[in-house]
Amino acid sequence: MKITGLGHAGMFIETAGGSILCDPVIGPSFFGSWFPFPDNRALDWERFGRADFLYISHRHRDHFDPAMLERYVSKDIRVLLPEYPTDDLEQDLIALGYTNLVRTEAGVPLQFGDLKLMVTPLRAPSDGPIGDSSLSVDDGTASILNQNDSHPLDLEKLFDFGKPDAYFTQVSGAIWWPMVYDLPQDAKQNFAQLKRDAQNKRAMYYIEKVDAAHVFPMAGPPMFLREALFRYNGTGLDNDSIFTDQREFLAHMKEQRPEQNGYLFLPGTEVEVRGSDVTVTQTLYTDAEIDRIFGDKWDYLAEQRDSRQAEIQAEEASRAEIIPPAEMLAALKEWWEPLLRRARTIRNGVGGVVRFRIGELDMVVDFPKAKLREYAGEECIYWYTIPADLVSTNIRDHEIDWSNSIFLSMQFEVGRSGKFNEFLTTFLKCLSRDRIEYVENWYAEQSDQTEDAEIDGWTVQRRCPHLRADLTKTGKIEDGVLTCSLHDWKWDLASGRCLTTTGHPIRSTPSGERAAAAAAEVAAG
């Protein structure tokens, strides 16, 4: 089996039973903000576009590049479609002309001659744009797991496919926190370091659990080539950004897991896998060029910035004309208020008023009352400042996921009065009736978490209130604080209060010796 790196999370898998083109992106993505790092334009995209199968893991635009598909990938290619709760990705692909869809079943292997594959989707509100997935591949000569951005909860089911010889996984997540937030610079630097640490911790959790002999970090970081965002490349010019690069993570992995082999996976990297034997060759970049890309990163990024402004200008020219403030408010009211009325759990979870300054429009979304209106000086729990042309474009395109457009573009600013509110972010990526109804039902199902488990002297609900991970496997308790290692969410066990975000309390009581000690302390007065 041969795997060729295509940049970011993209790869081309050649097997004894056919070839698979995975998540091919040339970009730029997210309103012209994200470019694959390093530059992948010189690859032979015509060859990769003639694959036997196309696999798009999820709808995020750093994995799904409609312009690239239109230009290079045949419309009659077989498309491996993850089994998602809403059909947004399917409709996107059909709109592009792809109708030869292979509708996979979650966690069920498919056989195509010598090629066995399995798509394992995730379907919680916080999984990408309501959906993320991984791809398992085995052709009898080798087995690989392309996990990309997904964070699977049930690894046992994933391992039923077989232990992978080579493992490809995200190490640098796609998020806008804390870069765009209204924070003092020292706080932004501190939060950025915490976020990088959490991403490393999560990546290492999966690397340890999968325990593959050969590991290939991928799916990030991006290049930011807009002048206003350039400073946020990598860990930032002022150490206030979150994007660990491939070499930085490999150094971290070597410290943590010296017994495992980690490899640089770049555009043009060719990985030949024969069972436990792996050969890695760099074909697009020489060793000297790779050393310069990572060793003189800011010089390389500056050259990319200076040479690619035409792509940014072309994206800006494609945006919609700015809608006048009154018309914009009316359009958003017509679109959002019916959704808010259906979103009782989300409204209660947000629990306050959110302000949006969009060009000349200054409006609020009153979640408790399910209303949009002009801002009248009321106290707000969040406040956004967003360019009017981005919102006008999303209205024109009826973009139902603003995290997959405006927020990941990082072309906005935001502040908040308290902790992160997951319900607000969920609403802003569920701007369709199908998505709202699915998420409301999902939250209702999560409320019944009756099974408990014993962890380090505490009886806690077995399933994480965030995404239902098994806390006996992902939970760690220190000083009365439970941390779920998948997303680094934390709870104070004495009160059950979530320390990471609003809502999401956990059921917890002391057990065993800890309970006896607490009872003795009470008896002693």
Protein backbone atom coordinates (compact mmCIF):
# COMPACT_ATOMS: atom_id res chain seq x y z
CA MET A 1 0.00 0.00 0.00
CA LYS A 2 1.26 3.49 -0.85
CA ILE A 3 0.02 6.70 0.78
CA THR A 4 0.96 10.06 -0.72
CA GLY A 5 0.58 13.22 1.35
CA LEU A 6 -1.45 15.94 -0.37
CA GLY A 7 -1.19 18.66 2.27
CA HIS A 8 -3.20 19.35 5.40
CA ALA A 9 -5.42 16.24 5.88
CA GLY A 10 -5.27 15.18 2.24
CA MET A 11 -3.87 11.86 1.11
CA PHE A 12 -3.92 9.55 -1.91
CA ILE A 13 -4.08 5.86 -0.96
CA GLU A 14 -3.06 3.27 -3.55
CA THR A 15 -4.06 -0.29 -2.63
CA ALA A 16 -4.28 -3.74 -4.20
CA GLY A 17 -8.00 -3.09 -4.70
CA GLY A 18 -8.03 0.50 -5.99
CA SER A 19 -7.10 4.05 -5.04
CA ILE A 20 -8.78 6.50 -2.65
CA LEU A 21 -8.51 10.30 -2.79
CA CYS A 22 -9.04 11.67 0.74
CA ASP A 23 -9.84 15.27 1.73
CA PRO A 24 -8.02 17.00 -1.16
CA VAL A 25 -7.70 20.76 -0.52
CA ILE A 26 -5.71 23.39 -2.39
CA GLY A 27 -7.61 26.37 -1.01
CA PRO A 28 -7.64 29.00 0.20
CA SER A 29 -10.44 28.13 2.64
CA PHE A 30 -12.65 30.01 5.11
CA PHE A 31 -13.08 33.32 3.27
CA GLY A 32 -9.52 33.15 1.94
CA SER A 33 -7.84 32.77 5.34
CA TRP A 34 -6.43 29.22 5.35
CA PHE A 35 -3.80 27.84 2.98
CA PRO A 36 -2.26 24.34 3.33
CA PHE A 37 1.19 24.40 4.97
CA PRO A 38 3.51 23.91 3.22
CA ASP A 39 2.41 24.86 -0.32
CA ASN A 40 0.88 21.90 -2.17
CA ARG A 41 0.06 23.44 -5.57
CA ALA A 42 2.93 21.67 -7.40
CA LEU A 43 1.49 18.18 -6.82
CA ASP A 44 0.18 16.16 -9.78
CA TRP A 45 -3.48 16.86 -9.10
CA GLU A 46 -4.58 15.48 -12.47
CA ARG A 47 -3.25 12.04 -11.46
CA PHE A 48 -4.81 12.12 -8.01
CA GLY A 49 -8.14 13.21 -9.50
CA ARG A 50 -8.34 9.92 -11.41
CA ALA A 51 -8.73 7.90 -8.19
CA ASP A 52 -11.24 5.06 -7.92
CA PHE A 53 -12.86 6.47 -4.78
CA LEU A 54 -13.32 9.92 -3.24
CA TYR A 55 -13.58 10.25 0.55
CA ILE A 56 -14.53 13.57 2.16
CA SER A 57 -14.33 13.08 5.92
CA HIS A 58 -16.56 16.04 6.79
CA ARG A 59 -17.81 19.39 5.57
CA HIS A 60 -15.14 21.72 6.99
CA ARG A 61 -13.62 23.65 4.11
CA ASP A 62 -10.07 22.62 5.01
CA HIS A 63 -11.23 19.09 4.11
CA PHE A 64 -13.86 19.81 1.46
CA ASP A 65 -12.67 22.07 -1.39
CA PRO A 66 -15.43 22.39 -4.03
CA ALA A 67 -13.24 24.38 -6.44
CA MET A 68 -10.54 21.69 -6.38
CA LEU A 69 -13.11 18.94 -6.96
CA GLU A 70 -14.68 20.82 -9.86
CA ARG A 71 -11.31 21.26 -11.54
CA TYR A 72 -9.66 17.87 -11.05
CA VAL A 73 -12.02 15.09 -9.92
CA SER A 74 -14.27 13.21 -12.35
CA LYS A 75 -18.00 13.39 -11.66
CA ASP A 76 -18.42 9.61 -12.03
CA ILE A 77 -15.97 8.74 -9.24
CA ARG A 78 -17.38 6.54 -6.46
CA VAL A 79 -17.88 8.71 -3.38
CA LEU A 80 -17.63 7.14 0.09
CA LEU A 81 -20.37 8.95 2.00
CA PRO A 82 -20.24 8.88 5.82
CA GLU A 83 -23.51 8.05 7.56
CA TYR A 84 -24.36 11.45 9.05
CA PRO A 85 -27.61 12.46 10.78
CA THR A 86 -28.24 15.29 8.31
CA ASP A 87 -27.64 15.19 4.56
CA ASP A 88 -25.74 18.48 4.18
CA LEU A 89 -22.51 16.88 2.87
CA GLU A 90 -24.49 14.63 0.54
CA GLN A 91 -26.39 17.60 -0.89
CA ASP A 92 -23.16 19.57 -1.30
CA LEU A 93 -21.65 16.72 -3.33
CA ILE A 94 -24.78 16.22 -5.42
CA ALA A 95 -24.83 19.96 -6.20
CA LEU A 96 -21.30 19.55 -7.58
CA GLY A 97 -22.51 16.74 -9.84
CA TYR A 98 -21.38 13.70 -7.85
CA THR A 99 -24.12 11.08 -7.87
CA ASN A 100 -22.19 7.79 -7.71
CA LEU A 101 -22.53 7.71 -3.93
CA VAL A 102 -21.53 4.73 -1.80
CA ARG A 103 -23.63 5.17 1.35
CA THR A 104 -21.52 3.61 4.06
CA GLU A 105 -22.90 2.32 7.36
CA ALA A 106 -21.31 3.50 10.57
CA GLY A 107 -18.51 1.15 11.58
CA VAL A 108 -19.48 -1.55 9.03
CA PRO A 109 -16.66 -2.76 6.73
CA LEU A 110 -17.18 -2.77 2.96
CA GLN A 111 -15.32 -5.06 0.55
CA PHE A 112 -14.29 -4.10 -2.99
CA GLY A 113 -12.20 -7.00 -4.28
CA ASP A 114 -8.95 -6.96 -2.29
CA LEU A 115 -9.87 -3.63 -0.71
CA LYS A 116 -11.64 -3.58 2.64
CA LEU A 117 -12.58 -0.22 4.10
CA MET A 118 -14.70 1.22 6.89
CA VAL A 119 -15.96 4.73 7.59
CA THR A 120 -16.59 5.53 11.27
CA PRO A 121 -18.62 8.73 11.71
CA LEU A 122 -19.12 10.89 14.78
CA ARG A 123 -22.43 12.71 15.09
CA ALA A 124 -22.46 14.92 18.17
CA PRO A 125 -23.08 18.69 17.91
CA SER A 126 -19.44 19.41 18.74
CA ASP A 127 -18.01 17.01 16.13
CA GLY A 128 -16.94 19.27 13.30
CA PRO A 129 -19.98 20.67 11.49
CA ILE A 130 -22.24 18.07 13.11
CA GLY A 131 -20.22 15.21 11.79
CA ASP A 132 -16.65 14.04 11.46
CA SER A 133 -15.31 10.66 10.45
CA SER A 134 -12.31 8.38 10.10
CA LEU A 135 -11.35 5.92 7.37
CA SER A 136 -9.92 2.45 7.97
CA VAL A 137 -8.27 0.69 4.98
CA ASP A 138 -6.89 -2.84 4.54
CA ASP A 139 -5.91 -4.52 1.27
CA GLY A 140 -4.29 -7.68 2.64
CA THR A 141 -0.79 -6.22 2.41
CA ALA A 142 -1.20 -3.49 5.03
CA SER A 143 -3.75 -1.73 7.22
CA ILE A 144 -3.98 2.01 7.95
CA LEU A 145 -6.20 4.34 9.96
CA ASN A 146 -6.83 7.84 8.59
CA GLN A 147 -8.35 9.50 11.67
CA ASN A 148 -7.81 13.10 10.45
CA ASP A 149 -9.81 15.50 12.71
CA SER A 150 -12.15 12.96 14.28
CA HIS A 151 -12.04 12.10 17.98
CA PRO A 152 -13.73 8.69 18.23
CA LEU A 153 -15.15 7.72 21.59
CA ASP A 154 -15.45 3.95 21.13
CA LEU A 155 -12.01 2.79 20.07
CA GLU A 156 -12.87 -0.88 20.67
CA LYS A 157 -15.32 -0.84 17.77
CA LEU A 158 -12.74 0.92 15.63
CA PHE A 159 -10.15 -1.75 16.52
CA ASP A 160 -12.54 -4.52 15.45
CA PHE A 161 -11.42 -3.62 11.93
CA GLY A 162 -7.86 -4.52 12.92
CA LYS A 163 -4.85 -2.79 14.39
CA PRO A 164 -3.38 -0.33 11.87
CA ASP A 165 0.20 -0.67 10.68
CA ALA A 166 0.30 3.10 10.03
CA TYR A 167 -1.72 5.79 11.78
CA PHE A 168 -2.52 9.27 10.41
CA THR A 169 -4.01 11.77 12.87
CA GLN A 170 -4.64 15.44 13.57
CA VAL A 171 -2.31 17.17 16.00
CA SER A 172 -3.13 20.85 15.41
CA GLY A 173 -6.84 21.60 15.74
CA ALA A 174 -8.97 24.12 13.85
CA ILE A 175 -10.27 26.74 16.26
CA TRP A 176 -10.31 30.52 16.71
CA TRP A 177 -9.74 30.60 20.48
CA PRO A 178 -8.06 32.64 21.90
CA MET A 179 -6.70 34.59 18.90
CA VAL A 180 -9.82 36.61 18.04
CA TYR A 181 -10.94 37.22 21.63
CA ASP A 182 -10.97 40.56 23.43
CA LEU A 183 -8.34 39.65 26.03
CA PRO A 184 -5.23 41.23 27.57
CA GLN A 185 -2.13 40.08 25.71
CA ASP A 186 -0.69 38.14 28.65
CA ALA A 187 -4.01 36.28 29.08
CA LYS A 188 -4.10 35.48 25.37
CA GLN A 189 -0.55 34.07 25.57
CA ASN A 190 -1.46 31.96 28.60
CA PHE A 191 -4.64 30.59 27.04
CA ALA A 192 -2.80 29.84 23.78
CA GLN A 193 -0.22 27.79 25.68
CA LEU A 194 -2.97 25.91 27.52
CA LYS A 195 -4.70 25.19 24.22
CA ARG A 196 -1.51 23.89 22.62
CA ASP A 197 -0.89 21.69 25.65
CA ALA A 198 -4.45 20.34 25.49
CA GLN A 199 -4.11 19.56 21.78
CA ASN A 200 -0.83 17.74 22.37
CA LYS A 201 -2.39 15.83 25.25
CA ARG A 202 -5.38 14.76 23.16
CA ALA A 203 -3.20 13.69 20.23
CA MET A 204 -0.97 11.66 22.54
CA TYR A 205 -4.03 10.03 24.12
CA TYR A 206 -5.03 8.61 20.75
CA ILE A 207 -1.47 7.73 19.74
CA GLU A 208 -1.07 5.72 22.94
CA LYS A 209 -4.47 4.01 22.59
CA VAL A 210 -4.07 3.13 18.90
CA ASP A 211 -0.47 2.07 19.61
CA ALA A 212 0.49 1.81 15.94
CA ALA A 213 4.18 1.27 15.19
CA HIS A 214 4.22 4.15 12.68
CA VAL A 215 2.57 7.54 13.30
CA PHE A 216 2.07 10.41 10.84
CA PRO A 217 0.94 13.78 12.29
CA MET A 218 -1.21 15.76 9.84
CA ALA A 219 -4.31 17.98 9.45
CA GLY A 220 -2.59 21.22 10.27
CA PRO A 221 -1.30 23.77 10.79
CA PRO A 222 -2.61 26.23 8.19
CA MET A 223 -0.82 29.18 6.64
CA PHE A 224 -2.43 32.57 7.30
CA LEU A 225 -1.42 34.81 4.41
CA ARG A 226 -3.77 37.74 4.98
CA GLU A 227 -1.82 40.67 6.38
CA ALA A 228 -4.14 41.03 9.38
CA LEU A 229 -3.78 37.35 10.30
CA PHE A 230 -0.15 36.72 9.38
CA ARG A 231 1.04 37.15 12.97
CA TYR A 232 -1.05 34.12 14.06
CA ASN A 233 0.90 31.58 12.03
CA GLY A 234 2.21 28.69 14.09
CA THR A 235 2.50 29.61 17.75
CA GLY A 236 2.30 33.28 16.78
CA LEU A 237 4.77 36.11 16.46
CA ASP A 238 3.98 36.95 20.09
CA ASN A 239 3.40 33.37 21.30
CA ASP A 240 -0.37 33.92 21.30
CA SER A 241 -1.50 31.36 18.74
CA ILE A 242 -2.26 27.63 18.96
CA PHE A 243 -0.96 25.96 15.78
CA THR A 244 1.75 23.39 16.47
CA ASP A 245 3.61 22.38 13.30
CA GLN A 246 4.55 18.85 12.26
CA ARG A 247 8.16 19.01 13.43
CA GLU A 248 7.22 20.54 16.77
CA PHE A 249 4.75 17.77 17.46
CA LEU A 250 7.17 15.05 16.40
CA ALA A 251 9.69 16.41 18.93
CA HIS A 252 6.99 16.29 21.61
CA MET A 253 6.00 12.77 20.62
CA LYS A 254 9.61 11.59 20.76
CA GLU A 255 9.82 12.79 24.36
CA GLN A 256 6.53 11.15 25.35
CA ARG A 257 6.64 7.94 23.30
CA PRO A 258 10.23 7.22 22.21
CA GLU A 259 9.31 3.61 21.38
CA GLN A 260 6.98 4.71 18.55
CA ASN A 261 8.13 5.93 15.16
CA GLY A 262 6.89 9.35 14.03
CA TYR A 263 7.37 10.71 10.52
CA LEU A 264 7.09 14.02 8.71
CA PHE A 265 4.02 13.84 6.44
CA LEU A 266 4.01 16.69 3.92
CA PRO A 267 2.73 17.34 0.41
CA GLY A 268 4.56 14.76 -1.73
CA THR A 269 5.53 12.43 1.12
CA GLU A 270 5.25 8.84 -0.14
CA VAL A 271 4.70 6.16 2.49
CA GLU A 272 4.99 2.54 1.40
CA VAL A 273 3.53 0.10 3.92
CA ARG A 274 4.10 -3.66 3.80
CA GLY A 275 2.73 -4.98 7.06
CA SER A 276 5.00 -3.67 9.80
CA ASP A 277 7.60 -2.40 7.32
CA VAL A 278 7.38 1.26 6.30
CA THR A 279 9.46 3.27 3.83
CA VAL A 280 9.10 7.06 3.70
CA THR A 281 10.31 9.21 0.79
CA GLN A 282 9.96 12.97 0.26
CA THR A 283 9.23 13.65 -3.44
CA LEU A 284 8.04 17.27 -3.63
CA TYR A 285 10.54 18.93 -1.31
CA THR A 286 14.23 18.20 -0.82
CA ASP A 287 15.68 17.80 2.66
CA ALA A 288 17.26 21.24 2.36
CA GLU A 289 13.93 22.79 1.38
CA ILE A 290 12.18 21.06 4.28
CA ASP A 291 14.82 22.35 6.70
CA ARG A 292 14.23 25.87 5.39
CA ILE A 293 10.42 25.59 5.57
CA PHE A 294 10.58 24.69 9.26
CA GLY A 295 13.89 26.28 10.27
CA ASP A 296 13.25 29.64 8.58
CA LYS A 297 9.47 29.42 8.83
CA TRP A 298 8.69 33.13 8.98
CA ASP A 299 10.79 33.84 5.88
CA TYR A 300 9.03 31.02 4.04
CA LEU A 301 5.62 32.27 5.16
CA ALA A 302 6.46 35.82 4.09
CA GLU A 303 7.38 34.59 0.61
CA GLN A 304 4.10 32.70 0.40
CA ARG A 305 2.18 35.78 1.60
CA ASP A 306 3.80 38.08 -0.93
CA SER A 307 3.25 35.71 -3.86
CA ARG A 308 -0.37 34.70 -3.20
CA GLN A 309 -2.27 37.93 -2.66
CA ALA A 310 -4.07 37.46 -5.99
CA GLU A 311 -5.85 34.43 -4.55
CA ILE A 312 -6.99 36.46 -1.57
CA GLN A 313 -8.19 39.29 -3.81
CA ALA A 314 -10.10 36.81 -6.00
CA GLU A 315 -11.89 35.45 -2.94
CA GLU A 316 -12.82 38.97 -1.77
CA ALA A 317 -14.19 39.78 -5.22
CA SER A 318 -16.50 36.74 -4.99
CA ARG A 319 -18.28 38.01 -1.87
CA ALA A 320 -21.80 39.40 -1.92
CA GLU A 321 -22.56 43.10 -1.96
CA ILE A 322 -23.16 44.45 1.53
CA ILE A 323 -26.82 44.32 2.51
CA PRO A 324 -28.17 47.54 4.12
CA PRO A 325 -28.59 47.27 7.92
CA ALA A 326 -32.41 47.22 8.02
CA GLU A 327 -32.60 44.62 5.26
CA MET A 328 -29.91 42.52 6.94
CA LEU A 329 -31.76 42.54 10.26
CA ALA A 330 -35.00 41.58 8.51
CA ALA A 331 -33.29 38.73 6.63
CA LEU A 332 -31.70 37.34 9.79
CA LYS A 333 -34.98 37.63 11.73
CA GLU A 334 -36.81 35.69 9.05
CA TRP A 335 -34.09 33.03 9.00
CA TRP A 336 -33.15 32.67 12.69
CA GLU A 337 -36.29 33.32 14.74
CA PRO A 338 -38.16 30.18 13.57
CA LEU A 339 -35.05 28.17 14.44
CA LEU A 340 -34.79 29.76 17.87
CA ARG A 341 -38.40 28.86 18.62
CA ARG A 342 -37.55 25.21 17.97
CA ALA A 343 -34.31 25.34 20.00
CA ARG A 344 -35.55 25.25 23.60
CA THR A 345 -32.51 23.44 25.02
CA ILE A 346 -30.12 25.74 23.17
CA ARG A 347 -32.02 28.88 24.26
CA ASN A 348 -31.93 27.77 27.89
CA GLY A 349 -28.28 26.80 27.58
CA VAL A 350 -27.28 30.21 26.21
CA GLY A 351 -29.55 31.89 28.74
CA GLY A 352 -28.90 35.49 27.78
CA VAL A 353 -28.55 38.16 25.12
CA VAL A 354 -25.80 38.09 22.47
CA ARG A 355 -24.73 41.21 20.59
CA PHE A 356 -23.67 41.30 16.91
CA ARG A 357 -22.04 44.38 15.43
CA ILE A 358 -22.12 43.78 11.67
CA GLY A 359 -20.90 46.82 9.78
CA GLU A 360 -23.51 49.51 10.46
CA LEU A 361 -25.97 47.03 11.97
CA ASP A 362 -25.90 46.70 15.76
CA MET A 363 -28.28 43.95 16.80
CA VAL A 364 -28.87 41.40 19.55
CA VAL A 365 -30.15 37.86 19.63
CA ASP A 366 -32.31 37.45 22.73
CA PHE A 367 -32.09 33.70 23.27
CA PRO A 368 -34.60 33.45 26.16
CA LYS A 369 -37.23 35.29 24.09
CA ALA A 370 -36.22 33.81 20.70
CA LYS A 371 -36.04 37.29 19.15
CA LEU A 372 -33.65 39.41 17.07
CA ARG A 373 -33.79 43.21 17.45
CA GLU A 374 -31.62 46.29 17.36
CA TYR A 375 -29.20 46.70 20.27
CA ALA A 376 -30.65 48.97 22.99
CA GLY A 377 -27.83 49.05 25.53
CA GLU A 378 -28.78 45.86 27.36
CA GLU A 379 -26.20 43.70 29.12
CA CYS A 380 -24.86 40.93 26.88
CA ILE A 381 -23.05 37.69 27.65
CA TYR A 382 -21.20 37.62 24.29
CA TRP A 383 -20.47 40.31 21.73
CA TYR A 384 -19.28 39.77 18.15
CA THR A 385 -17.88 42.23 15.62
CA ILE A 386 -18.13 40.78 12.10
CA PRO A 387 -17.46 42.40 8.69
CA ALA A 388 -20.72 43.04 6.88
CA ASP A 389 -19.56 41.46 3.62
CA LEU A 390 -19.00 38.10 5.35
CA VAL A 391 -22.52 38.10 6.79
CA SER A 392 -23.99 39.32 3.49
CA THR A 393 -22.27 36.42 1.72
CA ASN A 394 -23.57 33.90 4.24
CA ILE A 395 -27.08 35.28 3.78
CA ARG A 396 -26.75 35.09 -0.01
CA ASP A 397 -25.43 31.51 0.15
CA HIS A 398 -27.70 30.51 3.06
CA GLU A 399 -24.63 29.16 4.84
CA ILE A 400 -26.01 27.06 7.69
CA ASP A 401 -22.71 26.71 9.58
CA TRP A 402 -21.06 29.97 10.59
CA SER A 403 -18.24 28.18 12.38
CA ASN A 404 -17.36 26.63 9.00
CA SER A 405 -17.19 30.02 7.34
CA ILE A 406 -16.88 33.18 9.44
CA PHE A 407 -15.43 31.83 12.69
CA LEU A 408 -12.69 29.69 11.19
CA SER A 409 -11.80 32.59 8.89
CA MET A 410 -10.71 34.43 12.06
CA GLN A 411 -11.85 37.64 10.33
CA PHE A 412 -13.93 38.77 13.30
CA GLU A 413 -13.62 39.73 16.96
CA VAL A 414 -15.48 38.44 20.00
CA GLY A 415 -15.70 38.99 23.74
CA ARG A 416 -17.66 37.36 26.53
CA SER A 417 -18.58 38.08 30.12
CA GLY A 418 -18.15 34.54 31.45
CA LYS A 419 -17.06 31.09 30.41
CA PHE A 420 -17.26 29.53 26.99
CA ASN A 421 -20.86 28.74 26.03
CA GLU A 422 -21.06 25.62 23.87
CA PHE A 423 -24.79 26.11 23.23
CA LEU A 424 -24.16 29.43 21.48
CA THR A 425 -21.50 27.99 19.20
CA THR A 426 -23.78 25.03 18.47
CA PHE A 427 -26.65 27.31 17.43
CA LEU A 428 -24.41 29.25 15.05
CA LYS A 429 -23.48 26.08 13.19
CA CYS A 430 -27.02 24.68 13.16
CA LEU A 431 -28.82 27.28 11.10
CA SER A 432 -31.25 24.90 9.45
CA ARG A 433 -34.38 23.16 10.66
CA ASP A 434 -32.88 19.68 10.20
CA ARG A 435 -29.80 20.56 12.24
CA ILE A 436 -31.70 22.29 15.03
CA GLU A 437 -34.12 19.38 15.40
CA TYR A 438 -31.29 16.84 15.39
CA VAL A 439 -29.30 18.74 18.03
CA GLU A 440 -32.32 19.31 20.27
CA ASN A 441 -33.05 15.56 20.16
CA TRP A 442 -29.39 14.76 20.78
CA TYR A 443 -29.28 16.92 23.89
CA ALA A 444 -32.49 15.32 25.15
CA GLU A 445 -30.99 11.85 24.76
CA GLN A 446 -27.84 12.84 26.67
CA SER A 447 -29.83 13.88 29.74
CA ASP A 448 -30.42 10.23 30.70
CA GLN A 449 -27.01 9.17 31.99
CA THR A 450 -27.90 6.69 34.72
CA GLU A 451 -24.81 4.47 34.69
CA ASP A 452 -22.15 5.29 37.28
CA ALA A 453 -18.50 4.32 37.63
CA GLU A 454 -15.84 4.38 40.36
CA ILE A 455 -12.85 6.58 39.55
CA ASP A 456 -10.14 7.34 42.12
CA GLY A 457 -12.44 7.40 45.14
CA TRP A 458 -15.38 9.08 43.42
CA THR A 459 -18.65 7.71 42.07
CA VAL A 460 -19.35 9.65 38.88
CA GLN A 461 -21.61 9.21 35.91
CA ARG A 462 -19.78 6.99 33.48
CA ARG A 463 -20.42 9.14 30.39
CA CYS A 464 -18.90 12.59 29.96
CA PRO A 465 -21.61 15.31 29.89
CA HIS A 466 -19.84 16.89 26.91
CA LEU A 467 -19.70 14.16 24.23
CA ARG A 468 -20.41 10.99 26.22
CA ALA A 469 -16.87 9.64 26.31
CA ASP A 470 -16.35 6.76 28.75
CA LEU A 471 -14.77 8.51 31.73
CA THR A 472 -13.29 5.27 33.05
CA LYS A 473 -10.98 5.50 30.02
CA THR A 474 -10.66 9.23 29.40
CA GLY A 475 -11.09 10.67 32.93
CA LYS A 476 -8.38 11.67 35.40
CA ILE A 477 -8.93 13.14 38.87
CA GLU A 478 -6.52 15.51 40.61
CA ASP A 479 -7.35 17.61 43.69
CA GLY A 480 -11.07 16.97 43.33
CA VAL A 481 -11.15 18.07 39.67
CA LEU A 482 -12.10 15.58 36.96
CA THR A 483 -10.56 16.15 33.51
CA CYS A 484 -11.78 14.37 30.38
CA SER A 485 -8.67 13.98 28.21
CA LEU A 486 -10.53 14.06 24.88
CA HIS A 487 -11.27 17.80 24.96
CA ASP A 488 -9.74 18.82 28.30
CA TRP A 489 -13.11 19.68 29.88
CA LYS A 490 -13.03 19.88 33.70
CA TRP A 491 -15.53 19.45 36.58
CA ASP A 492 -15.39 20.25 40.29
CA LEU A 493 -16.52 16.93 41.74
CA ALA A 494 -17.62 18.32 45.11
CA SER A 495 -20.29 20.46 43.46
CA GLY A 496 -20.62 18.75 40.09
CA ARG A 497 -20.09 22.11 38.39
CA CYS A 498 -18.45 22.26 34.96
CA LEU A 499 -15.36 24.48 35.11
CA THR A 500 -15.02 24.74 31.34
CA THR A 501 -18.37 26.06 30.14
CA THR A 502 -21.89 27.02 31.16
CA GLY A 503 -24.15 24.06 31.96
CA HIS A 504 -23.07 20.41 31.57
CA PRO A 505 -22.95 19.52 35.31
CA ILE A 506 -21.74 16.08 36.31
CA ARG A 507 -23.25 13.68 38.85
CA SER A 508 -20.58 12.85 41.44
CA THR A 509 -20.29 11.70 45.07
CA PRO A 510 -17.35 10.53 47.20
CA SER A 511 -17.05 6.75 47.53
CA GLY A 512 -15.17 4.25 49.66
CA GLU A 513 -12.49 5.69 51.93
CA ARG A 514 -13.11 9.19 50.62
CA ALA A 515 -16.80 8.99 51.64
CA ALA A 516 -15.89 7.63 55.06
CA ALA A 517 -13.39 10.42 55.62
CA ALA A 518 -15.96 13.01 54.63
CA ALA A 519 -18.52 11.50 57.00
CA ALA A 520 -15.98 11.46 59.86
CA GLU A 521 -15.18 15.11 59.20
CA VAL A 522 -18.87 16.01 59.41
CA ALA A 523 -19.30 13.99 62.63
CA ALA A 524 -16.34 15.75 64.19
CA GLY A 525 -18.15 19.04 63.81
